[in-house]
Amino acid sequence: MKLVRYGNPGKEKPGLIDADGKLRDLSAAVKDFSGDQLGEATLAKLRKLKTDKLPLVKGSPRMGCPVPSCAASCIWKR
């Protein structure tokens, strides 16, 4: 599982790339990623998710690193 933020600048949502390389929406499980929200409790919660049940993200949105403060250094396209 790889954590990402996806969407237009300033309106990104939390997501993950599953074992099959598909982008899935995590916004129902976590509001956003930040240092506080990426603590052990949140990571344990994310590990328990059945990723194949999360909604697939349609299209090819802009993606970047999961932590907003590092966004300027690691934006990429899918």
PDB file of N, CA and C in Angstrom:
ATOM      1  N   MET A   1       0.850  -1.170   0.000  1.00  0.00           N
ATOM      2  CA  MET A   1       0.000   0.000   0.000  1.00  0.00           C
ATOM      3  C   MET A   1       0.896   1.233   0.000  1.00  0.00           C
ATOM      4  N   LYS A   2       0.629   2.131  -0.953  1.00  0.00           N
ATOM      5  CA  LYS A   2       1.353   3.393  -1.026  1.00  0.00           C
ATOM      6  C   LYS A   2       0.352   4.516  -0.809  1.00  0.00           C
ATOM      7  N   LEU A   3       0.640   5.399   0.129  1.00  0.00           N
ATOM      8  CA  LEU A   3      -0.245   6.518   0.415  1.00  0.00           C
ATOM      9  C   LEU A   3       0.083   7.681  -0.515  1.00  0.00           C
ATOM     10  N   VAL A   4      -0.949   8.360  -0.995  1.00  0.00           N
ATOM     11  CA  VAL A   4      -0.790   9.505  -1.889  1.00  0.00           C
ATOM     12  C   VAL A   4      -1.868  10.540  -1.568  1.00  0.00           C
ATOM     13  N   ARG A   5      -1.708  11.716  -2.132  1.00  0.00           N
ATOM     14  CA  ARG A   5      -2.773  12.713  -2.183  1.00  0.00           C
ATOM     15  C   ARG A   5      -3.016  12.926  -3.666  1.00  0.00           C
ATOM     16  N   TYR A   6      -4.263  13.073  -4.049  1.00  0.00           N
ATOM     17  CA  TYR A   6      -4.564  13.233  -5.464  1.00  0.00           C
ATOM     18  C   TYR A   6      -5.597  14.343  -5.658  1.00  0.00           C
ATOM     19  N   GLY A   7      -5.594  14.919  -6.853  1.00  0.00           N
ATOM     20  CA  GLY A   7      -6.553  15.965  -7.181  1.00  0.00           C
ATOM     21  C   GLY A   7      -5.876  17.277  -7.527  1.00  0.00           C
ATOM     22  N   ASN A   8      -6.690  18.283  -7.762  1.00  0.00           N
ATOM     23  CA  ASN A   8      -6.184  19.601  -8.130  1.00  0.00           C
ATOM     24  C   ASN A   8      -5.494  20.262  -6.940  1.00  0.00           C
ATOM     25  N   PRO A   9      -4.515  21.131  -7.207  1.00  0.00           N
ATOM     26  CA  PRO A   9      -3.807  21.818  -6.129  1.00  0.00           C
ATOM     27  C   PRO A   9      -4.783  22.524  -5.184  1.00  0.00           C
ATOM     28  N   GLY A  10      -4.568  22.310  -3.900  1.00  0.00           N
ATOM     29  CA  GLY A  10      -5.418  22.916  -2.892  1.00  0.00           C
ATOM     30  C   GLY A  10      -6.702  22.151  -2.612  1.00  0.00           C
ATOM     31  N   LYS A  11      -6.998  21.151  -3.432  1.00  0.00           N
ATOM     32  CA  LYS A  11      -8.219  20.358  -3.251  1.00  0.00           C
ATOM     33  C   LYS A  11      -7.905  18.859  -3.250  1.00  0.00           C
ATOM     34  N   GLU A  12      -6.687  18.526  -2.877  1.00  0.00           N
ATOM     35  CA  GLU A  12      -6.284  17.125  -2.897  1.00  0.00           C
ATOM     36  C   GLU A  12      -7.050  16.305  -1.865  1.00  0.00           C
ATOM     37  N   LYS A  13      -7.168  15.029  -2.170  1.00  0.00           N
ATOM     38  CA  LYS A  13      -7.806  14.068  -1.267  1.00  0.00           C
ATOM     39  C   LYS A  13      -6.789  12.983  -0.929  1.00  0.00           C
ATOM     40  N   PRO A  14      -6.982  12.320   0.217  1.00  0.00           N
ATOM     41  CA  PRO A  14      -6.095  11.209   0.550  1.00  0.00           C
ATOM     42  C   PRO A  14      -6.477   9.968  -0.260  1.00  0.00           C
ATOM     43  N   GLY A  15      -5.462   9.243  -0.660  1.00  0.00           N
ATOM     44  CA  GLY A  15      -5.709   8.023  -1.407  1.00  0.00           C
ATOM     45  C   GLY A  15      -4.601   7.016  -1.180  1.00  0.00           C
ATOM     46  N   LEU A  16      -4.750   5.881  -1.798  1.00  0.00           N
ATOM     47  CA  LEU A  16      -3.696   4.874  -1.751  1.00  0.00           C
ATOM     48  C   LEU A  16      -3.634   4.156  -3.080  1.00  0.00           C
ATOM     49  N   ILE A  17      -2.474   3.633  -3.357  1.00  0.00           N
ATOM     50  CA  ILE A  17      -2.287   2.787  -4.525  1.00  0.00           C
ATOM     51  C   ILE A  17      -2.232   1.367  -3.990  1.00  0.00           C
ATOM     52  N   ASP A  18      -3.174   0.547  -4.449  1.00  0.00           N
ATOM     53  CA  ASP A  18      -3.282  -0.811  -3.906  1.00  0.00           C
ATOM     54  C   ASP A  18      -2.257  -1.756  -4.528  1.00  0.00           C
ATOM     55  N   ALA A  19      -2.304  -3.004  -4.141  1.00  0.00           N
ATOM     56  CA  ALA A  19      -1.350  -4.006  -4.611  1.00  0.00           C
ATOM     57  C   ALA A  19      -1.412  -4.222  -6.116  1.00  0.00           C
ATOM     58  N   ASP A  20      -2.548  -3.885  -6.735  1.00  0.00           N
ATOM     59  CA  ASP A  20      -2.697  -4.025  -8.186  1.00  0.00           C
ATOM     60  C   ASP A  20      -2.355  -2.741  -8.932  1.00  0.00           C
ATOM     61  N   GLY A  21      -1.881  -1.720  -8.195  1.00  0.00           N
ATOM     62  CA  GLY A  21      -1.516  -0.457  -8.824  1.00  0.00           C
ATOM     63  C   GLY A  21      -2.690   0.468  -9.100  1.00  0.00           C
ATOM     64  N   LYS A  22      -3.846   0.180  -8.485  1.00  0.00           N
ATOM     65  CA  LYS A  22      -5.038   0.999  -8.689  1.00  0.00           C
ATOM     66  C   LYS A  22      -5.127   2.068  -7.610  1.00  0.00           C
ATOM     67  N   LEU A  23      -5.536   3.270  -8.030  1.00  0.00           N
ATOM     68  CA  LEU A  23      -5.700   4.378  -7.095  1.00  0.00           C
ATOM     69  C   LEU A  23      -7.066   4.278  -6.437  1.00  0.00           C
ATOM     70  N   ARG A  24      -7.082   4.317  -5.118  1.00  0.00           N
ATOM     71  CA  ARG A  24      -8.328   4.207  -4.349  1.00  0.00           C
ATOM     72  C   ARG A  24      -8.476   5.402  -3.415  1.00  0.00           C
ATOM     73  N   ASP A  25      -9.730   5.817  -3.214  1.00  0.00           N
ATOM     74  CA  ASP A  25     -10.062   6.969  -2.384  1.00  0.00           C
ATOM     75  C   ASP A  25     -10.082   6.574  -0.915  1.00  0.00           C
ATOM     76  N   LEU A  26      -9.344   7.312  -0.095  1.00  0.00           N
ATOM     77  CA  LEU A  26      -9.290   7.053   1.346  1.00  0.00           C
ATOM     78  C   LEU A  26     -10.047   8.099   2.155  1.00  0.00           C
ATOM     79  N   SER A  27     -10.732   9.027   1.508  1.00  0.00           N
ATOM     80  CA  SER A  27     -11.318  10.157   2.232  1.00  0.00           C
ATOM     81  C   SER A  27     -12.412   9.751   3.221  1.00  0.00           C
ATOM     82  N   ALA A  28     -13.015   8.588   3.066  1.00  0.00           N
ATOM     83  CA  ALA A  28     -14.003   8.131   4.049  1.00  0.00           C
ATOM     84  C   ALA A  28     -13.321   7.622   5.322  1.00  0.00           C
ATOM     85  N   ALA A  29     -12.059   7.222   5.217  1.00  0.00           N
ATOM     86  CA  ALA A  29     -11.336   6.665   6.356  1.00  0.00           C
ATOM     87  C   ALA A  29     -10.469   7.695   7.074  1.00  0.00           C
ATOM     88  N   VAL A  30      -9.970   8.675   6.336  1.00  0.00           N
ATOM     89  CA  VAL A  30      -9.093   9.695   6.923  1.00  0.00           C
ATOM     90  C   VAL A  30      -9.347  11.011   6.194  1.00  0.00           C
ATOM     91  N   LYS A  31      -9.460  12.091   6.975  1.00  0.00           N
ATOM     92  CA  LYS A  31      -9.788  13.398   6.383  1.00  0.00           C
ATOM     93  C   LYS A  31      -8.679  13.874   5.457  1.00  0.00           C
ATOM     94  N   ASP A  32      -7.458  13.791   5.899  1.00  0.00           N
ATOM     95  CA  ASP A  32      -6.296  14.186   5.112  1.00  0.00           C
ATOM     96  C   ASP A  32      -5.076  13.618   5.815  1.00  0.00           C
ATOM     97  N   PHE A  33      -3.941  13.728   5.190  1.00  0.00           N
ATOM     98  CA  PHE A  33      -2.703  13.276   5.805  1.00  0.00           C
ATOM     99  C   PHE A  33      -1.937  14.476   6.334  1.00  0.00           C
ATOM    100  N   SER A  34      -1.451  14.362   7.526  1.00  0.00           N
ATOM    101  CA  SER A  34      -0.548  15.347   8.115  1.00  0.00           C
ATOM    102  C   SER A  34       0.311  14.592   9.111  1.00  0.00           C
ATOM    103  N   GLY A  35       1.279  15.263   9.667  1.00  0.00           N
ATOM    104  CA  GLY A  35       2.143  14.601  10.639  1.00  0.00           C
ATOM    105  C   GLY A  35       1.359  13.966  11.772  1.00  0.00           C
ATOM    106  N   ASP A  36       0.355  14.697  12.291  1.00  0.00           N
ATOM    107  CA  ASP A  36      -0.462  14.176  13.385  1.00  0.00           C
ATOM    108  C   ASP A  36      -1.280  12.965  12.956  1.00  0.00           C
ATOM    109  N   GLN A  37      -1.816  13.017  11.757  1.00  0.00           N
ATOM    110  CA  GLN A  37      -2.696  11.949  11.298  1.00  0.00           C
ATOM    111  C   GLN A  37      -1.942  10.743  10.771  1.00  0.00           C
ATOM    112  N   LEU A  38      -0.650  10.849  10.621  1.00  0.00           N
ATOM    113  CA  LEU A  38       0.132   9.701  10.173  1.00  0.00           C
ATOM    114  C   LEU A  38       0.828   9.015  11.346  1.00  0.00           C
ATOM    115  N   GLY A  39       0.257   9.162  12.526  1.00  0.00           N
ATOM    116  CA  GLY A  39       0.794   8.487  13.701  1.00  0.00           C
ATOM    117  C   GLY A  39       0.480   7.001  13.668  1.00  0.00           C
ATOM    118  N   GLU A  40       0.980   6.299  14.640  1.00  0.00           N
ATOM    119  CA  GLU A  40       0.831   4.837  14.683  1.00  0.00           C
ATOM    120  C   GLU A  40      -0.633   4.397  14.709  1.00  0.00           C
ATOM    121  N   ALA A  41      -1.494   5.124  15.423  1.00  0.00           N
ATOM    122  CA  ALA A  41      -2.908   4.731  15.495  1.00  0.00           C
ATOM    123  C   ALA A  41      -3.571   4.795  14.122  1.00  0.00           C
ATOM    124  N   THR A  42      -3.312   5.868  13.373  1.00  0.00           N
ATOM    125  CA  THR A  42      -3.907   5.996  12.041  1.00  0.00           C
ATOM    126  C   THR A  42      -3.338   4.957  11.088  1.00  0.00           C
ATOM    127  N   LEU A  43      -2.039   4.741  11.148  1.00  0.00           N
ATOM    128  CA  LEU A  43      -1.430   3.739  10.273  1.00  0.00           C
ATOM    129  C   LEU A  43      -1.973   2.343  10.574  1.00  0.00           C
ATOM    130  N   ALA A  44      -2.193   2.034  11.848  1.00  0.00           N
ATOM    131  CA  ALA A  44      -2.773   0.738  12.214  1.00  0.00           C
ATOM    132  C   ALA A  44      -4.181   0.614  11.651  1.00  0.00           C
ATOM    133  N   LYS A  45      -4.958   1.694  11.722  1.00  0.00           N
ATOM    134  CA  LYS A  45      -6.314   1.708  11.158  1.00  0.00           C
ATOM    135  C   LYS A  45      -6.277   1.467   9.650  1.00  0.00           C
ATOM    136  N   LEU A  46      -5.339   2.124   8.970  1.00  0.00           N
ATOM    137  CA  LEU A  46      -5.235   1.965   7.516  1.00  0.00           C
ATOM    138  C   LEU A  46      -4.816   0.547   7.138  1.00  0.00           C
ATOM    139  N   ARG A  47      -3.944  -0.060   7.952  1.00  0.00           N
ATOM    140  CA  ARG A  47      -3.510  -1.435   7.664  1.00  0.00           C
ATOM    141  C   ARG A  47      -4.671  -2.436   7.726  1.00  0.00           C
ATOM    142  N   LYS A  48      -5.682  -2.136   8.550  1.00  0.00           N
ATOM    143  CA  LYS A  48      -6.820  -3.036   8.709  1.00  0.00           C
ATOM    144  C   LYS A  48      -7.869  -2.897   7.609  1.00  0.00           C
ATOM    145  N   LEU A  49      -7.779  -1.834   6.803  1.00  0.00           N
ATOM    146  CA  LEU A  49      -8.775  -1.618   5.754  1.00  0.00           C
ATOM    147  C   LEU A  49      -8.708  -2.703   4.688  1.00  0.00           C
ATOM    148  N   LYS A  50      -9.849  -3.054   4.189  1.00  0.00           N
ATOM    149  CA  LYS A  50      -9.910  -3.965   3.034  1.00  0.00           C
ATOM    150  C   LYS A  50      -9.832  -3.069   1.805  1.00  0.00           C
ATOM    151  N   THR A  51      -8.616  -2.910   1.299  1.00  0.00           N
ATOM    152  CA  THR A  51      -8.398  -1.931   0.234  1.00  0.00           C
ATOM    153  C   THR A  51      -9.217  -2.214  -1.018  1.00  0.00           C
ATOM    154  N   ASP A  52      -9.528  -3.473  -1.267  1.00  0.00           N
ATOM    155  CA  ASP A  52     -10.320  -3.791  -2.463  1.00  0.00           C
ATOM    156  C   ASP A  52     -11.762  -3.308  -2.339  1.00  0.00           C
ATOM    157  N   LYS A  53     -12.179  -2.904  -1.140  1.00  0.00           N
ATOM    158  CA  LYS A  53     -13.539  -2.385  -0.930  1.00  0.00           C
ATOM    159  C   LYS A  53     -13.595  -0.860  -1.031  1.00  0.00           C
ATOM    160  N   LEU A  54     -12.440  -0.194  -1.048  1.00  0.00           N
ATOM    161  CA  LEU A  54     -12.409   1.260  -1.170  1.00  0.00           C
ATOM    162  C   LEU A  54     -12.777   1.675  -2.593  1.00  0.00           C
ATOM    163  N   PRO A  55     -13.397   2.845  -2.756  1.00  0.00           N
ATOM    164  CA  PRO A  55     -13.782   3.292  -4.106  1.00  0.00           C
ATOM    165  C   PRO A  55     -12.560   3.534  -4.994  1.00  0.00           C
ATOM    166  N   LEU A  56     -12.662   3.084  -6.234  1.00  0.00           N
ATOM    167  CA  LEU A  56     -11.623   3.373  -7.221  1.00  0.00           C
ATOM    168  C   LEU A  56     -11.762   4.825  -7.661  1.00  0.00           C
ATOM    169  N   VAL A  57     -10.637   5.465  -7.923  1.00  0.00           N
ATOM    170  CA  VAL A  57     -10.636   6.832  -8.430  1.00  0.00           C
ATOM    171  C   VAL A  57     -10.624   6.752  -9.952  1.00  0.00           C
ATOM    172  N   LYS A  58     -11.553   7.448 -10.582  1.00  0.00           N
ATOM    173  CA  LYS A  58     -11.647   7.429 -12.045  1.00  0.00           C
ATOM    174  C   LYS A  58     -10.678   8.428 -12.665  1.00  0.00           C
ATOM    175  N   GLY A  59     -10.301   8.150 -13.887  1.00  0.00           N
ATOM    176  CA  GLY A  59      -9.431   9.058 -14.623  1.00  0.00           C
ATOM    177  C   GLY A  59      -7.979   8.923 -14.203  1.00  0.00           C
ATOM    178  N   SER A  60      -7.227   9.961 -14.511  1.00  0.00           N
ATOM    179  CA  SER A  60      -5.797   9.999 -14.174  1.00  0.00           C
ATOM    180  C   SER A  60      -5.479  11.314 -13.470  1.00  0.00           C
ATOM    181  N   PRO A  61      -5.903  11.447 -12.223  1.00  0.00           N
ATOM    182  CA  PRO A  61      -5.693  12.717 -11.522  1.00  0.00           C
ATOM    183  C   PRO A  61      -4.223  12.962 -11.190  1.00  0.00           C
ATOM    184  N   ARG A  62      -3.932  14.200 -10.950  1.00  0.00           N
ATOM    185  CA  ARG A  62      -2.616  14.605 -10.475  1.00  0.00           C
ATOM    186  C   ARG A  62      -2.405  13.945  -9.108  1.00  0.00           C
ATOM    187  N   MET A  63      -1.195  13.419  -8.870  1.00  0.00           N
ATOM    188  CA  MET A  63      -0.902  12.771  -7.593  1.00  0.00           C
ATOM    189  C   MET A  63       0.378  13.336  -7.012  1.00  0.00           C
ATOM    190  N   GLY A  64       0.474  13.235  -5.683  1.00  0.00           N
ATOM    191  CA  GLY A  64       1.671  13.695  -5.003  1.00  0.00           C
ATOM    192  C   GLY A  64       1.881  12.928  -3.716  1.00  0.00           C
ATOM    193  N   CYS A  65       2.882  13.353  -2.968  1.00  0.00           N
ATOM    194  CA  CYS A  65       3.198  12.662  -1.722  1.00  0.00           C
ATOM    195  C   CYS A  65       2.077  12.861  -0.707  1.00  0.00           C
ATOM    196  N   PRO A  66       1.955  11.975   0.265  1.00  0.00           N
ATOM    197  CA  PRO A  66       0.836  12.037   1.197  1.00  0.00           C
ATOM    198  C   PRO A  66       0.886  13.192   2.189  1.00  0.00           C
ATOM    199  N   VAL A  67       2.057  13.710   2.495  1.00  0.00           N
ATOM    200  CA  VAL A  67       2.156  14.771   3.494  1.00  0.00           C
ATOM    201  C   VAL A  67       2.193  16.122   2.789  1.00  0.00           C
ATOM    202  N   PRO A  68       1.205  16.987   3.053  1.00  0.00           N
ATOM    203  CA  PRO A  68       1.121  18.267   2.344  1.00  0.00           C
ATOM    204  C   PRO A  68       2.396  19.105   2.393  1.00  0.00           C
ATOM    205  N   SER A  69       3.125  19.078   3.477  1.00  0.00           N
ATOM    206  CA  SER A  69       4.318  19.925   3.603  1.00  0.00           C
ATOM    207  C   SER A  69       5.440  19.534   2.646  1.00  0.00           C
ATOM    208  N   CYS A  70       5.409  18.326   2.109  1.00  0.00           N
ATOM    209  CA  CYS A  70       6.452  17.923   1.167  1.00  0.00           C
ATOM    210  C   CYS A  70       5.955  17.990  -0.268  1.00  0.00           C
ATOM    211  N   ALA A  71       4.748  18.483  -0.470  1.00  0.00           N
ATOM    212  CA  ALA A  71       4.125  18.452  -1.799  1.00  0.00           C
ATOM    213  C   ALA A  71       4.952  19.135  -2.873  1.00  0.00           C
ATOM    214  N   ALA A  72       5.627  20.207  -2.553  1.00  0.00           N
ATOM    215  CA  ALA A  72       6.393  20.932  -3.571  1.00  0.00           C
ATOM    216  C   ALA A  72       7.534  20.092  -4.136  1.00  0.00           C
ATOM    217  N   SER A  73       8.018  19.135  -3.377  1.00  0.00           N
ATOM    218  CA  SER A  73       9.174  18.361  -3.833  1.00  0.00           C
ATOM    219  C   SER A  73       8.823  17.022  -4.446  1.00  0.00           C
ATOM    220  N   CYS A  74       7.535  16.625  -4.426  1.00  0.00           N
ATOM    221  CA  CYS A  74       7.269  15.273  -4.939  1.00  0.00           C
ATOM    222  C   CYS A  74       5.895  15.159  -5.616  1.00  0.00           C
ATOM    223  N   ILE A  75       5.629  16.014  -6.568  1.00  0.00           N
ATOM    224  CA  ILE A  75       4.398  15.900  -7.356  1.00  0.00           C
ATOM    225  C   ILE A  75       4.695  15.063  -8.585  1.00  0.00           C
ATOM    226  N   TRP A  76       3.808  14.174  -8.916  1.00  0.00           N
ATOM    227  CA  TRP A  76       3.967  13.392 -10.132  1.00  0.00           C
ATOM    228  C   TRP A  76       2.617  13.115 -10.733  1.00  0.00           C
ATOM    229  N   LYS A  77       2.637  12.686 -11.975  1.00  0.00           N
ATOM    230  CA  LYS A  77       1.389  12.315 -12.640  1.00  0.00           C
ATOM    231  C   LYS A  77       1.352  10.814 -12.758  1.00  0.00           C
ATOM    232  N   ARG A  78       0.159  10.299 -12.773  1.00  0.00           N
ATOM    233  CA  ARG A  78      -0.053   8.867 -12.890  1.00  0.00           C
ATOM    234  C   ARG A  78       0.111   8.450 -14.323  1.00  0.00           C
TER     235      ARG A  78
END
